[in-house]
Protein backbone atom coordinates (compact mmCIF):
# COMPACT_ATOMS: atom_id res chain seq x y z
CA MET A 1 5.47 -19.79 14.84
CA ARG A 2 3.91 -16.71 13.50
CA LEU A 3 2.73 -13.49 15.05
CA ILE A 4 1.31 -10.01 14.50
CA THR A 5 1.51 -7.71 17.07
CA LEU A 6 -0.98 -4.65 17.19
CA HIS A 7 -0.60 -1.87 19.68
CA CYS A 8 -4.18 -1.19 20.12
CA ASP A 9 -6.28 1.67 22.15
CA TYR A 10 -8.60 -1.28 22.67
CA ILE A 11 -9.94 -4.70 21.37
CA LYS A 12 -13.42 -6.33 22.04
CA PHE A 13 -13.84 -10.06 21.22
CA LYS A 14 -16.89 -12.57 21.93
CA PRO A 15 -16.61 -16.24 21.31
CA LEU A 16 -19.76 -17.27 19.27
CA LYS A 17 -19.45 -21.13 18.31
CA LYS A 18 -17.09 -23.89 18.59
CA ALA A 19 -14.64 -24.30 15.23
CA LEU A 20 -13.11 -27.41 16.69
CA ALA A 21 -14.47 -30.53 18.44
CA LYS A 22 -11.54 -30.11 21.04
CA ALA A 23 -12.27 -26.44 21.74
CA GLU A 24 -11.80 -25.58 25.19
CA ASP A 25 -14.58 -25.32 27.46
CA LEU A 26 -15.89 -21.93 28.42
CA LYS A 27 -17.76 -20.85 31.45
CA ASP A 28 -17.88 -17.18 30.32
CA LYS A 29 -19.07 -16.37 26.71
CA GLU A 30 -20.02 -12.76 27.28
CA GLN A 31 -17.78 -9.89 25.44
CA LYS A 32 -14.55 -9.11 26.70
CA GLU A 33 -12.93 -5.41 26.41
CA VAL A 34 -9.18 -4.73 26.90
CA LYS A 35 -8.03 -1.21 26.78
CA ASP A 36 -4.47 0.30 25.92
CA CYS A 37 -3.03 -3.28 25.14
CA LEU A 38 -0.46 -5.25 22.80
CA VAL A 39 -2.65 -7.64 20.83
CA VAL A 40 -0.55 -10.72 19.71
CA LEU A 41 -2.19 -12.70 16.86
CA THR A 42 -0.53 -15.97 17.11
CA ALA A 43 -0.25 -19.24 14.93
CA VAL A 44 1.16 -22.20 16.35
CA GLU A 45 2.84 -24.35 13.41
CA GLN A 46 4.21 -27.72 13.03
CA GLY A 47 7.46 -28.50 14.64
CA ASP A 48 7.19 -25.53 17.06
CA ASN A 49 9.36 -26.34 20.24
CA ASP A 50 10.77 -24.91 23.64
CA SER A 51 13.35 -22.84 21.67
CA ILE A 52 10.68 -21.58 19.37
CA LEU A 53 8.54 -20.52 22.35
CA LYS A 54 11.44 -18.78 24.01
CA GLN A 55 11.73 -16.44 20.91
CA TYR A 56 8.13 -15.78 20.68
CA LEU A 57 8.25 -14.66 24.19
CA ALA A 58 11.15 -12.84 23.82
CA ALA A 59 9.58 -10.94 20.67
CA VAL A 60 6.44 -10.22 22.60
CA LYS A 61 8.04 -8.77 25.68
CA LYS A 62 10.62 -6.77 23.29
CA THR A 63 7.69 -5.04 21.67
CA ALA A 64 5.66 -4.75 24.80
CA GLU A 65 8.55 -2.80 26.37
CA GLU A 66 9.04 -0.39 23.22
CA VAL A 67 5.22 0.61 23.38
CA LYS A 68 5.18 0.54 27.19
CA ALA A 69 2.50 -1.97 27.16
CA ARG A 70 1.66 -4.15 30.25
CA LYS A 71 -1.50 -5.40 29.10
CA ILE A 72 -1.33 -8.20 26.59
CA VAL A 73 -3.80 -9.90 24.58
CA LEU A 74 -2.81 -13.32 23.05
CA TYR A 75 -5.21 -14.20 20.21
CA PRO A 76 -5.15 -17.37 18.44
CA TYR A 77 -5.35 -16.67 14.80
CA ALA A 78 -4.93 -19.72 12.36
CA HIS A 79 -5.14 -17.64 9.29
CA LEU A 80 -1.62 -16.64 9.71
CA SER A 81 -0.21 -20.23 8.48
CA SER A 82 -1.03 -23.10 6.32
CA MET A 83 1.12 -25.59 8.46
CA LEU A 84 -0.73 -25.15 11.82
CA ALA A 85 0.13 -27.63 14.81
CA PRO A 86 -2.36 -30.15 15.95
CA PRO A 87 -4.90 -28.35 17.92
CA ASP A 88 -4.10 -29.73 21.41
CA THR A 89 -0.49 -28.72 20.95
CA ALA A 90 -1.53 -25.29 19.99
CA LEU A 91 -3.50 -24.64 22.98
CA GLU A 92 -0.92 -26.00 24.92
CA TRP A 93 1.71 -23.47 23.79
CA MET A 94 -0.74 -20.54 24.27
CA VAL A 95 -1.59 -21.46 27.84
CA SER A 96 2.25 -21.81 28.48
CA ALA A 97 2.89 -18.15 27.53
CA GLN A 98 0.06 -16.99 28.94
CA HIS A 99 1.50 -18.28 32.80
CA THR A 100 4.82 -17.50 31.56
CA LEU A 101 3.99 -13.76 30.75
CA GLN A 102 1.89 -13.52 33.94
CA LYS A 103 4.96 -14.57 35.80
CA GLU A 104 7.06 -11.66 34.76
CA GLY A 105 4.49 -9.17 35.85
CA TYR A 106 2.08 -8.64 32.76
CA GLU A 107 -1.60 -8.62 32.74
CA VAL A 108 -2.62 -11.24 30.26
CA THR A 109 -5.84 -12.01 28.46
CA ARG A 110 -5.97 -15.07 26.32
CA ALA A 111 -8.83 -15.04 23.52
CA PRO A 112 -10.57 -18.68 23.61
CA PHE A 113 -8.83 -21.24 21.49
CA GLY A 114 -11.03 -23.14 18.84
CA TYR A 115 -13.99 -20.77 18.52
CA TYR A 116 -15.25 -18.60 15.85
CA LYS A 117 -15.18 -15.21 17.29
CA GLU A 118 -16.55 -11.80 16.50
CA PHE A 119 -13.77 -9.00 17.25
CA GLU A 120 -13.40 -5.41 17.26
CA LEU A 121 -10.25 -3.15 17.49
CA LYS A 122 -8.57 -0.04 17.22
CA CYS A 123 -5.02 0.18 16.08
CA LYS A 124 -2.76 3.21 17.56
CA GLY A 125 -1.15 3.95 14.12
CA HIS A 126 2.51 4.65 15.13
CA PRO A 127 5.79 2.81 13.53
CA LEU A 128 5.53 0.13 16.10
CA SER A 129 1.78 -0.55 16.05
CA GLU A 130 1.79 -3.14 13.45
CA LEU A 131 4.55 -5.61 13.42
CA SER A 132 4.81 -9.30 12.44
CA LYS A 133 7.42 -11.97 12.95
CA GLU A 134 8.04 -15.73 12.05
CA PHE A 135 10.09 -18.06 13.98
CA ARG A 136 11.05 -21.36 12.60
CA VAL A 137 13.30 -24.57 13.42
CA ALA A 138 15.94 -25.68 11.05
CA GLU A 139 14.41 -29.11 11.50
CA ALA A 140 11.07 -30.60 12.82
CA THR A 141 11.33 -32.44 16.11
CA PRO A 142 10.82 -36.14 16.31
CA ASN A 143 7.08 -36.04 17.36
CA ALA A 144 6.14 -33.33 14.89
CA LYS A 145 4.71 -33.71 11.53
CA PRO A 146 7.14 -33.14 9.02
CA ALA A 147 7.17 -29.59 7.59
CA MET A 148 5.95 -28.99 3.78
CA LYS A 149 8.72 -29.31 1.38
CA PRO A 150 10.12 -26.41 -0.56
CA GLY A 151 7.58 -26.00 -3.68
CA LYS A 152 4.61 -27.46 -1.74
CA GLU A 153 3.34 -24.49 0.06
CA LYS A 154 -0.21 -23.78 -0.10
CA LYS A 155 -1.28 -22.63 -3.59
CA ILE A 156 -1.99 -18.75 -4.13
CA ILE A 157 -5.71 -19.21 -5.36
CA LEU A 158 -8.25 -16.48 -5.45
CA ASP A 159 -11.60 -17.47 -3.77
CA ARG A 160 -13.97 -15.66 -5.40
CA ARG A 161 -17.03 -16.75 -3.29
CA ASN A 162 -17.11 -13.91 -0.76
CA LEU A 163 -15.65 -11.05 -3.12
CA LYS A 164 -17.66 -8.24 -4.33
CA PRO A 165 -17.68 -7.62 -8.07
CA ASN A 166 -15.35 -4.76 -7.91
CA ASP A 167 -12.77 -6.45 -5.61
CA HIS A 168 -9.34 -5.49 -7.00
CA ARG A 169 -7.93 -9.10 -6.92
CA ILE A 170 -11.17 -10.23 -9.20
CA LEU A 171 -10.49 -7.23 -11.86
CA GLY A 172 -6.95 -7.79 -11.56
CA GLU A 173 -7.33 -11.42 -12.81
CA ASP A 174 -10.04 -10.66 -15.29
CA LEU A 175 -8.68 -7.82 -16.68
CA GLY A 176 -5.04 -9.32 -16.86
CA ILE A 177 -3.69 -6.42 -14.63
CA PHE A 178 -1.44 -8.62 -12.04
CA TYR A 179 -0.53 -11.98 -11.19
CA LEU A 180 0.67 -13.79 -7.85
CA SER A 181 3.02 -16.56 -8.71
CA ASP A 182 3.47 -19.55 -6.49
CA GLU A 183 7.06 -19.91 -7.86
CA ILE A 184 7.77 -16.19 -7.25
CA GLY A 185 5.95 -15.97 -3.71
CA PRO A 186 3.35 -14.37 -1.73
CA GLY A 187 3.33 -10.44 -1.63
CA LEU A 188 5.28 -10.47 -4.62
CA PRO A 189 2.86 -9.08 -7.87
CA LEU A 190 3.73 -9.35 -11.34
CA TRP A 191 2.39 -6.63 -13.43
CA LEU A 192 1.08 -7.94 -16.55
CA PRO A 193 1.17 -6.07 -19.73
CA ASN A 194 -2.18 -4.44 -18.97
CA GLY A 195 -1.10 -3.69 -15.39
CA GLU A 196 2.15 -2.35 -16.67
CA THR A 197 0.58 0.04 -18.94
CA ILE A 198 -1.42 1.46 -16.09
CA ARG A 199 1.53 1.69 -13.75
CA HIS A 200 3.78 3.39 -16.73
CA GLU A 201 1.03 5.79 -17.65
CA LEU A 202 0.58 6.67 -13.73
CA ILE A 203 4.42 7.10 -13.05
CA GLU A 204 4.68 9.34 -16.42
CA PHE A 205 1.45 11.41 -15.20
CA MET A 206 2.81 11.98 -11.79
CA ARG A 207 6.28 13.01 -13.09
CA GLU A 208 4.61 15.44 -15.58
CA VAL A 209 2.67 16.93 -12.54
CA GLU A 210 5.15 16.96 -9.94
CA GLU A 211 7.84 18.62 -12.43
CA LYS A 212 5.30 21.44 -13.14
CA HIS A 213 4.97 22.06 -9.37
CA GLY A 214 8.91 22.55 -8.91
CA TYR A 215 10.09 18.65 -7.71
CA LYS A 216 13.34 17.46 -9.01
CA TYR A 217 13.54 13.95 -10.01
CA VAL A 218 16.25 11.59 -8.58
CA SER A 219 17.01 7.72 -8.59
CA THR A 220 18.34 5.90 -5.64
CA PRO A 221 19.68 2.31 -5.06
CA HIS A 222 17.75 -0.66 -3.68
CA ILE A 223 19.91 -1.35 -0.89
CA THR A 224 21.84 0.77 1.49
CA LYS A 225 24.46 0.23 4.65
CA GLY A 226 22.57 -0.54 7.80
CA THR A 227 24.67 2.44 9.56
CA ILE A 228 22.02 4.74 7.74
CA TYR A 229 18.90 2.94 9.43
CA GLU A 230 20.77 3.28 12.93
CA LYS A 231 21.19 6.95 12.58
CA THR A 232 17.61 7.77 11.72
CA GLY A 233 16.37 5.31 13.93
CA HIS A 234 14.45 3.16 11.58
CA LEU A 235 16.55 0.13 12.60
CA PRO A 236 15.01 -0.02 16.14
CA TYR A 237 11.67 0.93 15.03
CA TYR A 238 11.27 -1.19 11.58
CA ALA A 239 13.57 -3.96 12.25
CA GLU A 240 11.11 -6.55 12.14
CA SER A 241 9.52 -4.90 8.80
CA MET A 242 13.15 -5.21 7.08
CA TYR A 243 14.59 -7.98 5.38
CA PRO A 244 17.78 -9.53 7.01
CA PRO A 245 20.73 -7.84 6.11
CA ILE A 246 23.24 -8.87 3.23
CA GLN A 247 27.02 -9.10 4.07
CA ILE A 248 29.14 -7.31 1.71
CA GLU A 249 32.89 -7.08 2.28
CA GLY A 250 31.75 -7.59 5.94
CA VAL A 251 29.26 -4.51 6.08
CA ASN A 252 25.65 -5.15 6.56
CA TYR A 253 23.45 -3.90 3.62
CA TYR A 254 19.64 -3.98 3.53
CA LEU A 255 16.89 -3.83 0.99
CA LYS A 256 15.49 -0.60 1.68
CA PRO A 257 12.23 -0.53 3.21
CA MET A 258 11.81 3.25 2.48
CA ASN A 259 13.65 6.16 0.58
CA CYS A 260 13.99 8.95 2.71
CA PRO A 261 17.46 8.13 4.20
CA HIS A 262 18.72 8.15 0.29
CA HIS A 263 17.08 11.53 -0.43
CA HIS A 264 18.46 12.96 2.63
CA MET A 265 21.94 12.28 1.52
CA ILE A 266 21.06 13.91 -1.57
CA PHE A 267 19.81 16.93 0.52
CA ASN A 268 23.62 17.04 2.17
CA LYS A 269 25.07 17.02 -1.00
CA ILE A 270 23.35 19.78 -2.64
CA VAL A 271 21.95 22.06 0.03
CA LYS A 272 23.95 24.70 1.61
CA SER A 273 21.90 28.05 1.91
CA TYR A 274 18.48 28.93 2.84
CA ARG A 275 18.41 30.14 -0.93
CA ASP A 276 18.13 26.52 -2.03
CA LEU A 277 14.91 25.81 -0.04
CA PRO A 278 12.10 24.62 -0.69
CA LEU A 279 13.94 21.72 -2.28
CA ARG A 280 11.45 18.72 -3.44
CA LEU A 281 12.85 15.76 -4.44
CA ALA A 282 10.69 12.92 -6.09
CA GLU A 283 11.35 9.24 -7.01
CA PRO A 284 9.04 6.27 -8.04
CA GLY A 285 11.17 4.42 -5.31
CA MET A 286 11.09 0.41 -5.06
CA THR A 287 10.65 -0.72 -1.57
CA TYR A 288 10.63 -3.97 0.38
CA ARG A 289 8.98 -4.89 3.70
CA GLN A 290 8.94 -8.19 5.39
CA GLU A 291 4.98 -9.43 5.53
CA LEU A 292 4.05 -12.80 6.48
CA SER A 293 2.34 -14.58 3.73
CA GLY A 294 -0.95 -15.07 5.61
CA VAL A 295 -1.47 -11.42 5.92
CA THR A 296 -0.44 -10.11 2.34
CA TYR A 297 -3.43 -9.01 0.50
CA GLY A 298 -3.75 -8.55 -3.49
CA LEU A 299 -1.93 -5.44 -4.44
CA ILE A 300 -2.96 -3.66 -0.99
CA ARG A 301 -0.40 -5.45 1.26
CA VAL A 302 2.56 -6.67 -0.64
CA ARG A 303 6.29 -7.28 0.09
CA ALA A 304 7.43 -5.44 -2.73
CA PHE A 305 6.19 -1.82 -4.03
CA THR A 306 6.80 1.12 -5.58
CA GLN A 307 6.00 4.44 -3.99
CA ASN A 308 4.97 7.59 -5.43
CA ASP A 309 7.89 9.14 -2.81
CA SER A 310 8.62 12.35 -2.20
CA HIS A 311 10.60 14.53 0.16
CA ILE A 312 10.10 18.50 0.57
CA TYR A 313 12.83 20.19 2.83
CA CYS A 314 11.89 23.69 3.88
CA THR A 315 12.51 26.32 6.34
CA PRO A 316 9.99 26.48 9.37
CA VAL A 317 8.47 29.77 7.69
CA GLN A 318 7.78 27.82 4.41
CA LEU A 319 6.11 24.83 6.07
CA LYS A 320 2.58 25.87 6.04
CA GLU A 321 2.92 26.99 2.38
CA GLU A 322 4.41 23.92 1.34
CA PHE A 323 2.22 21.70 3.14
CA LEU A 324 -1.03 23.62 1.71
CA LYS A 325 0.54 22.93 -1.75
CA VAL A 326 0.59 19.10 -0.96
CA ILE A 327 -3.19 19.05 0.27
CA ASN A 328 -3.91 20.83 -3.27
CA LEU A 329 -2.05 18.36 -5.04
CA PHE A 330 -3.96 15.64 -3.81
CA GLU A 331 -7.21 17.18 -5.01
CA GLU A 332 -5.63 17.97 -8.08
CA VAL A 333 -4.40 14.25 -9.23
CA TYR A 334 -7.30 12.33 -7.76
CA LYS A 335 -9.65 14.10 -9.65
CA LYS A 336 -7.91 13.65 -12.66
CA VAL A 337 -7.50 10.02 -12.02
CA GLY A 338 -10.98 9.20 -10.94
CA ILE A 339 -10.37 8.75 -6.95
CA LYS A 340 -13.62 9.88 -5.02
CA ASP A 341 -15.06 9.55 -1.55
CA TYR A 342 -11.68 9.95 0.43
CA TRP A 343 -11.21 12.21 3.45
CA PHE A 344 -8.23 13.38 5.62
CA ARG A 345 -7.47 12.32 8.96
CA LEU A 346 -5.30 15.03 10.83
CA SER A 347 -2.91 12.88 13.43
CA LEU A 348 -1.59 15.01 16.53
CA PRO A 349 0.48 13.84 19.15
CA ASP A 350 -0.46 13.60 22.76
CA PHE A 351 2.21 14.84 25.08
CA ALA A 352 -0.28 14.89 27.99
CA GLY A 353 -0.84 11.09 27.72
CA LYS A 354 1.58 9.72 26.06
CA PRO A 355 4.78 12.03 26.30
CA ASP A 356 7.41 9.29 25.66
CA LYS A 357 6.03 8.22 22.47
CA PHE A 358 7.17 11.31 20.71
CA THR A 359 10.80 12.14 20.21
CA GLY A 360 12.01 15.86 19.76
CA ASP A 361 11.35 19.41 20.99
CA PRO A 362 7.72 19.89 22.18
CA LYS A 363 7.77 23.63 20.94
CA GLU A 364 8.79 22.31 17.47
CA TRP A 365 5.93 19.64 17.47
CA MET A 366 3.57 22.58 18.34
CA HIS A 367 4.68 24.96 15.64
CA ALA A 368 4.42 21.94 13.32
CA CYS A 369 0.97 21.00 14.55
CA ASP A 370 -0.12 24.74 14.27
CA GLU A 371 1.10 24.84 10.67
CA ILE A 372 -0.39 21.89 9.39
CA ARG A 373 -3.71 22.92 10.98
CA LYS A 374 -3.50 26.38 9.69
CA ALA A 375 -2.75 24.73 6.13
CA MET A 376 -5.66 22.03 6.31
CA SER A 377 -8.15 24.92 7.42
CA ALA A 378 -6.73 27.22 4.30
CA SER A 379 -7.50 24.19 2.10
CA GLY A 380 -11.24 24.01 2.67
CA LYS A 381 -10.79 20.43 2.81
CA LYS A 382 -12.77 18.36 5.59
CA PHE A 383 -10.73 16.62 8.00
CA THR A 384 -10.93 15.18 11.33
CA GLU A 385 -8.19 15.16 14.26
CA GLU A 386 -7.00 12.15 15.96
CA VAL A 387 -4.76 12.79 19.04
CA GLY A 388 -2.07 10.44 19.89
CA GLU A 389 -1.67 9.14 16.12
CA ALA A 390 1.04 11.10 15.03
CA ALA A 391 4.28 9.47 13.77
CA PHE A 392 7.42 9.35 16.08
CA TYR A 393 9.15 12.28 14.28
CA GLY A 394 6.18 14.67 13.74
CA PRO A 395 2.42 15.11 12.64
CA LYS A 396 0.87 13.95 9.72
CA ILE A 397 -2.34 13.69 7.56
CA ASP A 398 -3.54 10.35 6.25
CA VAL A 399 -5.68 10.17 3.23
CA GLN A 400 -8.67 7.78 4.11
CA ILE A 401 -10.71 5.61 1.75
CA LYS A 402 -13.06 2.44 1.81
CA ASN A 403 -11.88 -0.85 0.30
CA SER A 404 -14.57 -2.97 -1.63
CA GLN A 405 -15.41 -4.73 1.75
CA GLY A 406 -16.43 -1.25 3.22
CA LYS A 407 -13.00 -1.20 5.38
CA GLU A 408 -11.46 2.07 6.21
CA GLU A 409 -7.77 1.90 4.91
CA THR A 410 -5.09 4.59 4.34
CA ILE A 411 -4.57 5.32 0.53
CA ALA A 412 -1.68 7.83 1.02
CA THR A 413 -0.24 9.78 3.52
CA SER A 414 1.92 13.15 4.12
CA GLN A 415 4.07 13.40 7.32
CA VAL A 416 6.24 16.31 8.80
CA ASP A 417 9.61 15.28 10.38
CA ILE A 418 11.02 17.62 12.79
CA VAL A 419 13.54 14.86 14.13
CA ILE A 420 15.60 13.30 11.34
CA PRO A 421 17.47 16.37 10.41
CA LYS A 422 19.14 16.69 13.76
CA ARG A 423 19.90 12.88 13.83
CA LEU A 424 21.70 13.24 10.54
CA GLU A 425 23.14 16.49 10.99
CA MET A 426 21.13 17.95 8.01
CA HIS A 427 21.45 21.65 8.02
CA TYR A 428 21.66 24.82 6.05
CA ILE A 429 22.92 28.45 6.57
CA ASP A 430 20.29 31.16 7.06
CA GLU A 431 20.39 34.66 5.93
CA LYS A 432 22.24 35.54 9.38
CA GLY A 433 24.79 33.05 8.51
CA GLU A 434 23.79 30.58 11.39
CA LYS A 435 23.37 26.84 10.96
CA GLN A 436 19.73 25.94 10.81
CA TYR A 437 17.89 22.54 10.58
CA PRO A 438 15.29 22.05 7.73
CA ILE A 439 11.53 20.61 8.20
CA ILE A 440 10.99 17.63 5.90
CA ILE A 441 7.70 16.79 4.54
CA HIS A 442 7.50 12.95 3.44
CA ARG A 443 4.79 12.92 0.94
CA ALA A 444 3.33 10.29 -1.26
CA ILE A 445 0.23 11.47 -3.42
CA LEU A 446 -0.75 8.00 -4.76
CA GLY A 447 1.04 6.14 -1.90
CA SER A 448 2.51 3.21 -3.56
CA PHE A 449 1.53 2.32 -7.18
CA GLU A 450 0.30 -1.06 -6.17
CA ARG A 451 -2.15 -0.01 -3.68
CA PHE A 452 -3.18 2.94 -5.63
CA VAL A 453 -4.03 0.89 -8.51
CA ALA A 454 -5.99 -1.34 -6.22
CA TYR A 455 -8.35 1.31 -5.02
CA LEU A 456 -8.57 2.63 -8.42
CA LEU A 457 -9.94 -0.54 -9.79
CA GLU A 458 -12.31 -0.96 -6.81
CA GLN A 459 -13.77 2.63 -7.12
CA THR A 460 -13.93 2.47 -11.19
CA SER A 461 -14.95 -1.18 -11.29
CA GLY A 462 -11.99 -1.27 -13.88
CA VAL A 463 -13.59 1.29 -16.30
CA LEU A 464 -10.64 3.47 -16.27
CA PRO A 465 -10.33 6.91 -18.08
CA VAL A 466 -9.09 6.64 -21.84
CA TRP A 467 -5.76 7.81 -21.13
CA LEU A 468 -5.24 5.16 -18.33
CA SER A 469 -6.69 2.14 -20.04
CA PRO A 470 -4.40 -0.61 -21.15
CA VAL A 471 -6.18 -0.75 -24.56
CA GLN A 472 -7.75 2.38 -25.86
CA VAL A 473 -9.30 1.38 -29.47
CA ARG A 474 -10.26 -2.12 -30.23
CA ILE A 475 -10.72 -2.48 -34.22
CA ILE A 476 -13.28 -5.52 -35.41
CA ASN A 477 -14.09 -6.75 -38.69
CA PHE A 478 -17.87 -7.61 -39.50
CA THR A 479 -16.91 -10.18 -41.92
CA ASP A 480 -13.83 -12.06 -43.19
CA ARG A 481 -14.16 -9.81 -46.34
CA ASN A 482 -13.41 -6.76 -44.51
CA VAL A 483 -10.22 -7.66 -42.82
CA LYS A 484 -8.02 -5.67 -45.12
CA ALA A 485 -10.08 -2.55 -44.61
CA ALA A 486 -10.09 -3.08 -40.81
CA GLU A 487 -6.37 -3.48 -40.93
CA LYS A 488 -6.00 -0.16 -43.13
CA VAL A 489 -7.93 1.71 -40.56
CA ALA A 490 -5.81 0.21 -37.56
CA GLU A 491 -2.80 1.38 -39.66
CA HIS A 492 -4.13 4.93 -40.34
CA LEU A 493 -4.82 5.38 -36.84
CA ARG A 494 -1.65 4.27 -35.68
CA LYS A 495 0.15 6.19 -37.74
CA GLU A 496 -2.12 9.48 -36.90
CA LEU A 497 -1.75 8.80 -33.29
CA PRO A 498 1.54 6.95 -32.52
CA LYS A 499 1.32 6.77 -28.93
CA THR A 500 -2.43 5.55 -28.83
CA ARG A 501 -2.98 1.81 -27.73
CA ILE A 502 -4.77 0.08 -30.67
CA ASP A 503 -5.41 -3.52 -31.05
CA THR A 504 -7.48 -5.65 -33.61
CA ASP A 505 -9.70 -8.57 -33.24
CA PHE A 506 -10.09 -10.50 -36.66
CA ARG A 507 -10.99 -13.92 -35.04
CA ASN A 508 -13.41 -16.13 -36.87
CA THR A 509 -16.35 -15.61 -34.68
CA THR A 510 -19.55 -13.52 -34.67
CA VAL A 511 -19.02 -9.65 -34.26
CA SER A 512 -21.30 -9.78 -31.05
CA ASP A 513 -18.96 -12.23 -29.55
CA LYS A 514 -16.07 -9.69 -30.32
CA VAL A 515 -17.80 -6.66 -28.82
CA ARG A 516 -18.90 -8.44 -26.00
CA ASP A 517 -15.31 -9.54 -25.23
CA ALA A 518 -14.20 -5.92 -25.73
CA GLU A 519 -16.96 -4.72 -23.45
CA VAL A 520 -15.82 -7.24 -20.73
CA GLN A 521 -12.34 -6.00 -21.18
CA LYS A 522 -13.68 -2.17 -20.57
CA VAL A 523 -12.17 -1.10 -23.95
CA PRO A 524 -12.89 2.64 -24.39
CA TYR A 525 -13.72 2.62 -28.36
CA ILE A 526 -14.62 -0.16 -30.33
CA ILE A 527 -14.66 0.27 -33.95
CA VAL A 528 -16.52 -2.01 -36.39
CA ILE A 529 -15.72 -2.21 -39.98
CA GLY A 530 -18.13 -3.59 -42.24
CA ASP A 531 -19.23 -3.30 -46.00
CA LYS A 532 -20.89 0.03 -45.42
CA GLU A 533 -17.69 1.52 -43.65
CA GLU A 534 -15.43 0.01 -46.30
CA GLU A 535 -17.35 1.68 -49.24
CA LYS A 536 -17.89 5.17 -47.36
CA GLY A 537 -14.49 5.58 -45.67
CA THR A 538 -16.45 5.99 -42.28
CA LEU A 539 -16.45 4.18 -38.76
CA ALA A 540 -18.79 2.65 -36.62
CA VAL A 541 -17.93 3.56 -33.44
CA ARG A 542 -19.20 2.15 -30.11
CA SER A 543 -17.90 4.46 -27.20
CA ARG A 544 -17.99 2.45 -23.59
CA GLY A 545 -21.23 2.08 -22.17
CA LYS A 546 -23.32 3.78 -25.37
CA LYS A 547 -24.82 2.62 -28.36
CA PRO A 548 -22.89 2.58 -31.75
CA GLU A 549 -22.58 5.76 -33.89
CA PHE A 550 -22.58 5.16 -37.52
CA GLY A 551 -20.79 7.12 -40.42
CA ILE A 552 -18.10 8.63 -38.14
CA LYS A 553 -15.20 10.22 -40.40
CA PRO A 554 -12.14 9.18 -39.01
CA THR A 555 -10.83 12.69 -38.94
CA GLU A 556 -13.63 13.38 -36.57
CA PHE A 557 -12.65 10.32 -34.40
CA ILE A 558 -8.84 10.76 -34.04
CA LYS A 559 -9.22 14.60 -32.98
CA GLU A 560 -11.78 13.45 -30.38
CA LEU A 561 -9.68 10.94 -28.97
CA GLN A 562 -6.34 12.78 -29.28
CA ARG A 563 -8.23 15.63 -27.24
CA LYS A 564 -9.23 13.12 -24.43
CA ILE A 565 -5.85 11.48 -24.32
CA GLU A 566 -4.15 14.85 -24.11
CA LEU A 567 -6.23 16.17 -21.53
CA ARG A 568 -6.35 12.92 -19.63
CA GLU A 569 -10.27 12.60 -19.87
């Protein structure tokens, strides 16, 4: 059995028509709306039994208690699994779950089974608002169909029929950016050579920008003791998103789902006085989240990803200035890379309506909220405010964007943390010789490199700036007799521009075929060497999207290309 729990302000759904011949009969087919509820998307699988149902109910009740929800919506969602139980069995389990939860005092609404439905929901956005869970039996029950054997799971196949041409999954495949392998597993993308080039360039670019702005780079391990996550509070909040622990010498270690606890330990090691602040630590840190295979999505929702992560440790007085610098850094980076049409959302606490959701001193919360709002206003950027959407440890801003399907998603975030420093006894000595706790800004300008590349591909349709393009120059021969001259041109360019990515296409086919292939691959510059170019020592240069220019001197081309790469145009 697989489920995703969503803590929602509301969900609206309406059955449209039967998806199964054995769909349950409905007397009421009007739209239903349930407010302030826990939505449980559920897929009943082959082999599920009473033990699995008990685990399912326990998980639902546990989450409902944690988010203080008394209303539960059980929503059959077949897309979570490729090993679904027969419809009759699945409906029986859903009805049984409904009755059990009702007996325990919950107000339960069950969405109709076996129907195509339209639905709309608003997820609250706190750490527990989106969780996934999977329950399996060791062996299938005698009456159940056998589970699929290892290696026989549903193939990872890209269905292009309902996707737009700029969908990053199509571009990722056509441009050789990434690959999802059945043998490696869903949500675990493999960066192909072209994709790794983009990723590497972004990492190097961010390091250059961040070091210019006073960030200090660190590197941390992929696993850590579970005790640190108990202290920070991440285990209670993120347990279902974390992979099971690995036992080393009797101690539980976890694949890290976030980098912050590691950075906090570095703070404890090197910060003593207020003179050491602000401290800005940065790392392209690999992290791991336990996502169900049914909800993984290209590069946007994956199980392993590298965050463009940073943690800024500052005093309360420094908060506004540091946060304003973060906002300005978003603009500096996105302008250079080519991200447009994004906006900011300021997420604030709701102490009046949901005081239990937010941990810490309300006065410190108010100070943090006021300083962030001042920083946002000083930046001149447009932003919206959402009360009740803050993280459990502080207010935050989210950078919102729309994907190729027109759906609003978060590309990156910057969160203020006023809770964790006290839990971890992170402190410094102020100018009066007294112990004080820092404020932390959790900040990821690009978010994860995986998700950022997805949005970058979609916004640019794969037409990346020259400095980010996997192949920057392709050299083509006009005829076989021009191959040696074209090779000399390639050798000369590589010598003059050793870091430029140059390849050649000397295949025995027409020039138009070679040019078309280069254009399909979005190569910024195509150089054709024919008899005239060989005789005069010039280049025929076709810039991406433009007509070819003839008689270009190599020195002029080198100068222009070098300028664009150095300035990252």
